[in-house]
PDB file of N, CA and C in Angstrom:
ATOM      1  N   MET A   1      25.500  68.108 -38.363  1.00  0.00           N
ATOM      2  CA  MET A   1      26.106  66.935 -39.185  1.00  0.00           C
ATOM      3  C   MET A   1      27.443  66.676 -38.264  1.00  0.00           C
ATOM      4  N   ALA A   2      27.929  65.487 -38.100  1.00  0.00           N
ATOM      5  CA  ALA A   2      29.060  64.672 -37.754  1.00  0.00           C
ATOM      6  C   ALA A   2      30.191  64.894 -38.025  1.00  0.00           C
ATOM      7  N   ARG A   3      31.577  65.881 -37.221  1.00  0.00           N
ATOM      8  CA  ARG A   3      32.549  65.394 -37.869  1.00  0.00           C
ATOM      9  C   ARG A   3      32.807  64.658 -38.364  1.00  0.00           C
ATOM     10  N   SER A   4      33.268  64.344 -39.238  1.00  0.00           N
ATOM     11  CA  SER A   4      33.938  63.017 -39.688  1.00  0.00           C
ATOM     12  C   SER A   4      35.091  62.078 -38.606  1.00  0.00           C
ATOM     13  N   PHE A   5      35.457  61.141 -38.668  1.00  0.00           N
ATOM     14  CA  PHE A   5      36.016  59.899 -37.882  1.00  0.00           C
ATOM     15  C   PHE A   5      37.793  60.071 -38.482  1.00  0.00           C
ATOM     16  N   LYS A   6      37.639  60.491 -40.127  1.00  0.00           N
ATOM     17  CA  LYS A   6      38.605  60.585 -40.172  1.00  0.00           C
ATOM     18  C   LYS A   6      40.006  61.657 -39.818  1.00  0.00           C
ATOM     19  N   LYS A   7      39.320  62.731 -40.009  1.00  0.00           N
ATOM     20  CA  LYS A   7      39.361  63.781 -39.107  1.00  0.00           C
ATOM     21  C   LYS A   7      40.020  63.811 -37.515  1.00  0.00           C
ATOM     22  N   ILE A   8      41.176  64.933 -37.285  1.00  0.00           N
ATOM     23  CA  ILE A   8      41.084  64.589 -35.628  1.00  0.00           C
ATOM     24  C   ILE A   8      40.952  65.661 -34.998  1.00  0.00           C
ATOM     25  N   PRO A   9      40.324  65.702 -33.368  1.00  0.00           N
ATOM     26  CA  PRO A   9      39.569  66.598 -32.682  1.00  0.00           C
ATOM     27  C   PRO A   9      39.706  67.617 -33.066  1.00  0.00           C
ATOM     28  N   PHE A  10      38.697  68.752 -33.077  1.00  0.00           N
ATOM     29  CA  PHE A  10      39.768  70.434 -32.739  1.00  0.00           C
ATOM     30  C   PHE A  10      40.132  71.162 -31.799  1.00  0.00           C
ATOM     31  N   VAL A  11      41.368  70.716 -31.053  1.00  0.00           N
ATOM     32  CA  VAL A  11      42.241  71.239 -29.958  1.00  0.00           C
ATOM     33  C   VAL A  11      42.817  72.903 -30.403  1.00  0.00           C
ATOM     34  N   SER A  12      42.640  73.605 -29.801  1.00  0.00           N
ATOM     35  CA  SER A  12      43.133  74.932 -30.158  1.00  0.00           C
ATOM     36  C   SER A  12      44.575  74.920 -29.668  1.00  0.00           C
ATOM     37  N   ASN A  13      45.530  75.178 -29.789  1.00  0.00           N
ATOM     38  CA  ASN A  13      47.043  75.337 -30.407  1.00  0.00           C
ATOM     39  C   ASN A  13      47.155  75.749 -28.995  1.00  0.00           C
ATOM     40  N   LYS A  14      47.037  76.812 -28.959  1.00  0.00           N
ATOM     41  CA  LYS A  14      47.319  77.281 -27.883  1.00  0.00           C
ATOM     42  C   LYS A  14      46.633  77.091 -25.840  1.00  0.00           C
ATOM     43  N   LEU A  15      45.860  76.302 -25.972  1.00  0.00           N
ATOM     44  CA  LEU A  15      44.991  75.752 -25.169  1.00  0.00           C
ATOM     45  C   LEU A  15      45.633  74.463 -24.714  1.00  0.00           C
ATOM     46  N   LEU A  16      45.773  73.902 -26.019  1.00  0.00           N
ATOM     47  CA  LEU A  16      46.730  72.753 -25.733  1.00  0.00           C
ATOM     48  C   LEU A  16      48.249  72.883 -25.102  1.00  0.00           C
ATOM     49  N   LYS A  17      49.141  73.890 -25.502  1.00  0.00           N
ATOM     50  CA  LYS A  17      50.161  74.515 -25.034  1.00  0.00           C
ATOM     51  C   LYS A  17      50.157  75.056 -23.147  1.00  0.00           C
ATOM     52  N   LYS A  18      48.785  75.490 -22.725  1.00  0.00           N
ATOM     53  CA  LYS A  18      48.904  75.938 -21.703  1.00  0.00           C
ATOM     54  C   LYS A  18      48.650  74.141 -20.380  1.00  0.00           C
ATOM     55  N   VAL A  19      47.923  73.586 -21.638  1.00  0.00           N
ATOM     56  CA  VAL A  19      47.900  72.474 -20.269  1.00  0.00           C
ATOM     57  C   VAL A  19      48.745  71.692 -20.061  1.00  0.00           C
ATOM     58  N   LYS A  20      49.605  71.465 -21.431  1.00  0.00           N
ATOM     59  CA  LYS A  20      50.622  71.022 -21.359  1.00  0.00           C
ATOM     60  C   LYS A  20      51.833  71.371 -20.354  1.00  0.00           C
ATOM     61  N   LEU A  21      51.659  72.678 -19.944  1.00  0.00           N
ATOM     62  CA  LEU A  21      52.264  73.297 -19.190  1.00  0.00           C
ATOM     63  C   LEU A  21      52.664  73.296 -17.858  1.00  0.00           C
ATOM     64  N   PHE A  22      50.933  74.112 -17.603  1.00  0.00           N
ATOM     65  CA  PHE A  22      50.679  74.225 -16.384  1.00  0.00           C
ATOM     66  C   PHE A  22      50.414  72.657 -15.432  1.00  0.00           C
ATOM     67  N   ASN A  23      49.762  71.674 -16.104  1.00  0.00           N
ATOM     68  CA  ASN A  23      49.961  70.732 -15.453  1.00  0.00           C
ATOM     69  C   ASN A  23      49.348  70.473 -14.035  1.00  0.00           C
ATOM     70  N   ARG A  24      47.966  71.181 -14.319  1.00  0.00           N
ATOM     71  CA  ARG A  24      47.433  70.349 -13.086  1.00  0.00           C
ATOM     72  C   ARG A  24      47.449  71.571 -11.896  1.00  0.00           C
ATOM     73  N   LYS A  25      48.400  73.243 -11.970  1.00  0.00           N
ATOM     74  CA  LYS A  25      48.460  73.852 -11.151  1.00  0.00           C
ATOM     75  C   LYS A  25      47.724  75.358 -11.427  1.00  0.00           C
ATOM     76  N   LYS A  26      47.195  75.505 -12.111  1.00  0.00           N
ATOM     77  CA  LYS A  26      46.360  77.126 -12.039  1.00  0.00           C
ATOM     78  C   LYS A  26      45.389  77.006 -12.980  1.00  0.00           C
ATOM     79  N   VAL A  27      44.442  77.248 -12.817  1.00  0.00           N
ATOM     80  CA  VAL A  27      42.947  77.410 -13.588  1.00  0.00           C
ATOM     81  C   VAL A  27      43.768  78.142 -14.554  1.00  0.00           C
ATOM     82  N   ILE A  28      43.155  77.337 -15.937  1.00  0.00           N
ATOM     83  CA  ILE A  28      43.352  77.931 -17.097  1.00  0.00           C
ATOM     84  C   ILE A  28      42.144  78.588 -18.240  1.00  0.00           C
ATOM     85  N   LEU A  29      42.584  79.902 -18.412  1.00  0.00           N
ATOM     86  CA  LEU A  29      41.242  80.742 -18.823  1.00  0.00           C
ATOM     87  C   LEU A  29      41.443  79.929 -20.142  1.00  0.00           C
ATOM     88  N   THR A  30      39.995  79.850 -21.071  1.00  0.00           N
ATOM     89  CA  THR A  30      40.493  79.949 -22.734  1.00  0.00           C
ATOM     90  C   THR A  30      38.985  80.363 -23.090  1.00  0.00           C
ATOM     91  N   TRP A  31      39.428  81.152 -23.851  1.00  0.00           N
ATOM     92  CA  TRP A  31      37.917  81.663 -25.032  1.00  0.00           C
ATOM     93  C   TRP A  31      37.332  80.471 -25.861  1.00  0.00           C
ATOM     94  N   SER A  32      38.260  79.269 -26.428  1.00  0.00           N
ATOM     95  CA  SER A  32      38.391  78.279 -26.988  1.00  0.00           C
ATOM     96  C   SER A  32      36.516  77.146 -26.961  1.00  0.00           C
ATOM     97  N   ARG A  33      35.684  78.115 -26.945  1.00  0.00           N
ATOM     98  CA  ARG A  33      34.249  76.594 -26.699  1.00  0.00           C
ATOM     99  C   ARG A  33      34.173  75.603 -27.722  1.00  0.00           C
ATOM    100  N   ALA A  34      35.229  76.002 -29.054  1.00  0.00           N
ATOM    101  CA  ALA A  34      34.857  75.183 -29.775  1.00  0.00           C
ATOM    102  C   ALA A  34      35.994  73.691 -29.902  1.00  0.00           C
ATOM    103  N   SER A  35      36.822  74.065 -29.148  1.00  0.00           N
ATOM    104  CA  SER A  35      37.446  72.712 -28.511  1.00  0.00           C
ATOM    105  C   SER A  35      37.075  71.682 -27.824  1.00  0.00           C
ATOM    106  N   THR A  36      37.705  70.502 -28.671  1.00  0.00           N
ATOM    107  CA  THR A  36      37.017  69.139 -27.911  1.00  0.00           C
ATOM    108  C   THR A  36      37.949  69.111 -26.906  1.00  0.00           C
ATOM    109  N   ILE A  37      37.301  68.386 -25.685  1.00  0.00           N
ATOM    110  CA  ILE A  37      38.126  68.082 -24.784  1.00  0.00           C
ATOM    111  C   ILE A  37      38.769  66.822 -25.037  1.00  0.00           C
ATOM    112  N   VAL A  38      40.257  66.213 -24.760  1.00  0.00           N
ATOM    113  CA  VAL A  38      40.802  65.269 -25.221  1.00  0.00           C
ATOM    114  C   VAL A  38      41.553  64.789 -23.882  1.00  0.00           C
ATOM    115  N   PRO A  39      41.924  63.408 -23.694  1.00  0.00           N
ATOM    116  CA  PRO A  39      41.851  63.140 -22.852  1.00  0.00           C
ATOM    117  C   PRO A  39      43.154  63.164 -21.718  1.00  0.00           C
ATOM    118  N   VAL A  40      44.382  64.144 -22.583  1.00  0.00           N
ATOM    119  CA  VAL A  40      45.470  64.719 -22.141  1.00  0.00           C
ATOM    120  C   VAL A  40      44.303  65.340 -20.585  1.00  0.00           C
ATOM    121  N   MET A  41      43.542  67.014 -21.222  1.00  0.00           N
ATOM    122  CA  MET A  41      43.205  67.959 -20.192  1.00  0.00           C
ATOM    123  C   MET A  41      42.459  66.527 -18.383  1.00  0.00           C
ATOM    124  N   ILE A  42      42.679  65.731 -18.638  1.00  0.00           N
ATOM    125  CA  ILE A  42      41.662  65.121 -17.709  1.00  0.00           C
ATOM    126  C   ILE A  42      42.255  65.309 -15.978  1.00  0.00           C
ATOM    127  N   GLY A  43      42.067  65.454 -15.121  1.00  0.00           N
ATOM    128  CA  GLY A  43      42.426  66.471 -13.476  1.00  0.00           C
ATOM    129  C   GLY A  43      42.332  68.244 -13.475  1.00  0.00           C
ATOM    130  N   ASN A  44      42.684  68.366 -15.005  1.00  0.00           N
ATOM    131  CA  ASN A  44      42.291  70.432 -15.284  1.00  0.00           C
ATOM    132  C   ASN A  44      41.121  70.419 -15.144  1.00  0.00           C
ATOM    133  N   VAL A  45      41.336  72.090 -14.301  1.00  0.00           N
ATOM    134  CA  VAL A  45      40.657  72.899 -14.122  1.00  0.00           C
ATOM    135  C   VAL A  45      41.004  74.344 -15.294  1.00  0.00           C
ATOM    136  N   ILE A  46      39.690  73.902 -16.052  1.00  0.00           N
ATOM    137  CA  ILE A  46      39.615  75.334 -17.568  1.00  0.00           C
ATOM    138  C   ILE A  46      38.080  75.870 -17.139  1.00  0.00           C
ATOM    139  N   ALA A  47      38.848  77.529 -17.014  1.00  0.00           N
ATOM    140  CA  ALA A  47      37.574  77.442 -17.452  1.00  0.00           C
ATOM    141  C   ALA A  47      37.503  79.109 -18.482  1.00  0.00           C
ATOM    142  N   VAL A  48      35.608  78.333 -18.938  1.00  0.00           N
ATOM    143  CA  VAL A  48      35.567  78.932 -20.727  1.00  0.00           C
ATOM    144  C   VAL A  48      34.839  79.846 -20.292  1.00  0.00           C
ATOM    145  N   TYR A  49      34.940  80.753 -21.191  1.00  0.00           N
ATOM    146  CA  TYR A  49      34.833  81.933 -21.131  1.00  0.00           C
ATOM    147  C   TYR A  49      32.782  81.873 -22.323  1.00  0.00           C
ATOM    148  N   ASN A  50      31.719  82.582 -21.050  1.00  0.00           N
ATOM    149  CA  ASN A  50      30.189  82.216 -22.138  1.00  0.00           C
ATOM    150  C   ASN A  50      30.011  83.355 -22.759  1.00  0.00           C
ATOM    151  N   GLY A  51      30.429  84.444 -22.883  1.00  0.00           N
ATOM    152  CA  GLY A  51      30.270  85.596 -23.272  1.00  0.00           C
ATOM    153  C   GLY A  51      29.912  86.970 -22.338  1.00  0.00           C
ATOM    154  N   ASN A  52      30.502  86.412 -21.116  1.00  0.00           N
ATOM    155  CA  ASN A  52      30.546  87.594 -20.043  1.00  0.00           C
ATOM    156  C   ASN A  52      31.490  86.629 -18.379  1.00  0.00           C
ATOM    157  N   LYS A  53      31.531  85.912 -18.397  1.00  0.00           N
ATOM    158  CA  LYS A  53      32.538  85.875 -17.581  1.00  0.00           C
ATOM    159  C   LYS A  53      33.052  84.485 -17.997  1.00  0.00           C
ATOM    160  N   HIS A  54      34.305  83.871 -16.671  1.00  0.00           N
ATOM    161  CA  HIS A  54      34.473  82.219 -17.617  1.00  0.00           C
ATOM    162  C   HIS A  54      34.117  81.338 -16.279  1.00  0.00           C
ATOM    163  N   ILE A  55      33.775  80.820 -16.701  1.00  0.00           N
ATOM    164  CA  ILE A  55      32.995  79.385 -15.962  1.00  0.00           C
ATOM    165  C   ILE A  55      33.984  78.162 -16.041  1.00  0.00           C
ATOM    166  N   PRO A  56      34.646  77.999 -14.252  1.00  0.00           N
ATOM    167  CA  PRO A  56      35.535  76.901 -14.467  1.00  0.00           C
ATOM    168  C   PRO A  56      34.558  75.320 -14.620  1.00  0.00           C
ATOM    169  N   ILE A  57      35.449  74.807 -14.982  1.00  0.00           N
ATOM    170  CA  ILE A  57      35.157  73.925 -15.628  1.00  0.00           C
ATOM    171  C   ILE A  57      36.332  72.557 -15.449  1.00  0.00           C
ATOM    172  N   PHE A  58      36.142  71.492 -14.283  1.00  0.00           N
ATOM    173  CA  PHE A  58      36.621  70.649 -13.359  1.00  0.00           C
ATOM    174  C   PHE A  58      36.595  69.233 -15.209  1.00  0.00           C
ATOM    175  N   VAL A  59      38.024  69.005 -15.485  1.00  0.00           N
ATOM    176  CA  VAL A  59      37.348  67.939 -16.667  1.00  0.00           C
ATOM    177  C   VAL A  59      37.691  66.543 -16.200  1.00  0.00           C
ATOM    178  N   THR A  60      37.113  65.597 -16.197  1.00  0.00           N
ATOM    179  CA  THR A  60      36.536  63.976 -15.757  1.00  0.00           C
ATOM    180  C   THR A  60      36.802  63.188 -16.982  1.00  0.00           C
ATOM    181  N   ASP A  61      36.705  62.512 -16.784  1.00  0.00           N
ATOM    182  CA  ASP A  61      37.063  60.973 -18.465  1.00  0.00           C
ATOM    183  C   ASP A  61      34.822  61.285 -18.765  1.00  0.00           C
ATOM    184  N   GLY A  62      34.463  61.344 -18.215  1.00  0.00           N
ATOM    185  CA  GLY A  62      33.173  61.165 -19.033  1.00  0.00           C
ATOM    186  C   GLY A  62      32.931  62.870 -20.220  1.00  0.00           C
ATOM    187  N   MET A  63      34.067  63.976 -20.175  1.00  0.00           N
ATOM    188  CA  MET A  63      33.946  64.641 -21.051  1.00  0.00           C
ATOM    189  C   MET A  63      34.365  64.698 -22.277  1.00  0.00           C
ATOM    190  N   ILE A  64      35.408  63.364 -22.277  1.00  0.00           N
ATOM    191  CA  ILE A  64      35.892  63.369 -23.361  1.00  0.00           C
ATOM    192  C   ILE A  64      35.344  62.933 -24.115  1.00  0.00           C
ATOM    193  N   GLY A  65      36.386  64.236 -25.471  1.00  0.00           N
ATOM    194  CA  GLY A  65      35.634  63.719 -26.653  1.00  0.00           C
ATOM    195  C   GLY A  65      34.064  65.091 -27.330  1.00  0.00           C
ATOM    196  N   HIS A  66      33.326  66.318 -25.538  1.00  0.00           N
ATOM    197  CA  HIS A  66      32.317  66.601 -25.567  1.00  0.00           C
ATOM    198  C   HIS A  66      33.620  67.887 -26.214  1.00  0.00           C
ATOM    199  N   LYS A  67      32.815  68.529 -26.193  1.00  0.00           N
ATOM    200  CA  LYS A  67      32.613  70.380 -26.544  1.00  0.00           C
ATOM    201  C   LYS A  67      33.287  71.221 -25.027  1.00  0.00           C
ATOM    202  N   PHE A  68      33.764  72.492 -25.427  1.00  0.00           N
ATOM    203  CA  PHE A  68      34.260  72.990 -23.798  1.00  0.00           C
ATOM    204  C   PHE A  68      32.471  74.116 -23.779  1.00  0.00           C
ATOM    205  N   GLY A  69      32.413  74.171 -24.811  1.00  0.00           N
ATOM    206  CA  GLY A  69      30.785  74.720 -25.012  1.00  0.00           C
ATOM    207  C   GLY A  69      29.440  75.089 -24.922  1.00  0.00           C
ATOM    208  N   GLU A  70      29.799  72.907 -24.857  1.00  0.00           N
ATOM    209  CA  GLU A  70      28.433  72.452 -24.312  1.00  0.00           C
ATOM    210  C   GLU A  70      28.043  72.648 -22.774  1.00  0.00           C
ATOM    211  N   PHE A  71      29.275  72.971 -22.179  1.00  0.00           N
ATOM    212  CA  PHE A  71      29.638  72.623 -20.092  1.00  0.00           C
ATOM    213  C   PHE A  71      29.466  74.728 -19.802  1.00  0.00           C
ATOM    214  N   SER A  72      29.575  75.768 -20.299  1.00  0.00           N
ATOM    215  CA  SER A  72      29.306  77.230 -20.151  1.00  0.00           C
ATOM    216  C   SER A  72      28.044  77.244 -20.692  1.00  0.00           C
ATOM    217  N   ALA A  73      27.394  77.455 -20.111  1.00  0.00           N
ATOM    218  CA  ALA A  73      25.600  77.972 -20.555  1.00  0.00           C
ATOM    219  C   ALA A  73      26.113  79.115 -21.168  1.00  0.00           C
ATOM    220  N   THR A  74      25.432  80.476 -22.391  1.00  0.00           N
ATOM    221  CA  THR A  74      25.646  81.781 -22.886  1.00  0.00           C
ATOM    222  C   THR A  74      24.378  82.255 -22.741  1.00  0.00           C
ATOM    223  N   ARG A  75      23.712  81.448 -21.998  1.00  0.00           N
ATOM    224  CA  ARG A  75      22.068  82.329 -21.745  1.00  0.00           C
ATOM    225  C   ARG A  75      21.077  81.616 -20.346  1.00  0.00           C
ATOM    226  N   THR A  76      20.651  82.733 -20.117  1.00  0.00           N
ATOM    227  CA  THR A  76      20.319  82.416 -18.601  1.00  0.00           C
ATOM    228  C   THR A  76      18.775  82.361 -18.948  1.00  0.00           C
ATOM    229  N   PHE A  77      18.173  81.155 -18.549  1.00  0.00           N
ATOM    230  CA  PHE A  77      16.448  81.080 -18.883  1.00  0.00           C
ATOM    231  C   PHE A  77      15.280  81.303 -17.602  1.00  0.00           C
ATOM    232  N   LYS A  78      15.145  82.761 -18.457  1.00  0.00           N
ATOM    233  CA  LYS A  78      13.998  83.172 -16.944  1.00  0.00           C
ATOM    234  C   LYS A  78      12.607  81.770 -17.530  1.00  0.00           C
ATOM    235  N   SER A  79      12.400  81.367 -16.665  1.00  0.00           N
ATOM    236  CA  SER A  79      10.951  80.858 -16.748  1.00  0.00           C
ATOM    237  C   SER A  79       9.511  81.825 -16.578  1.00  0.00           C
ATOM    238  N   HIS A  80       8.743  80.673 -17.036  1.00  0.00           N
ATOM    239  CA  HIS A  80       7.534  81.301 -17.661  1.00  0.00           C
ATOM    240  C   HIS A  80       6.431  81.472 -16.311  1.00  0.00           C
ATOM    241  N   LYS A  81       5.656  82.169 -16.470  1.00  0.00           N
ATOM    242  CA  LYS A  81       5.047  82.579 -15.712  1.00  0.00           C
ATOM    243  C   LYS A  81       3.667  81.890 -15.430  1.00  0.00           C
ATOM    244  N   SER A  82       3.069  80.864 -14.782  1.00  0.00           N
ATOM    245  CA  SER A  82       1.825  80.470 -14.863  1.00  0.00           C
ATOM    246  C   SER A  82       1.252  81.118 -13.423  1.00  0.00           C
TER     247      SER A  82
END
């Protein structure tokens, strides 16, 4: 079920402070896969933890409104042998 339009998007306060502080100078590490990508983050490289390692993601216009967890897969796919 989708989040109500009346509510603001969830963004970790810690992550938002880091984005404003570093301002495209460093790779920002985060464990918050549930945070929504907002326009302030465009142009930053944010490394999202997938349970094993941090995966760097370059934030672009098309990613706004999506969650960070969508861009860092947590499981590896082993293909079925034919």
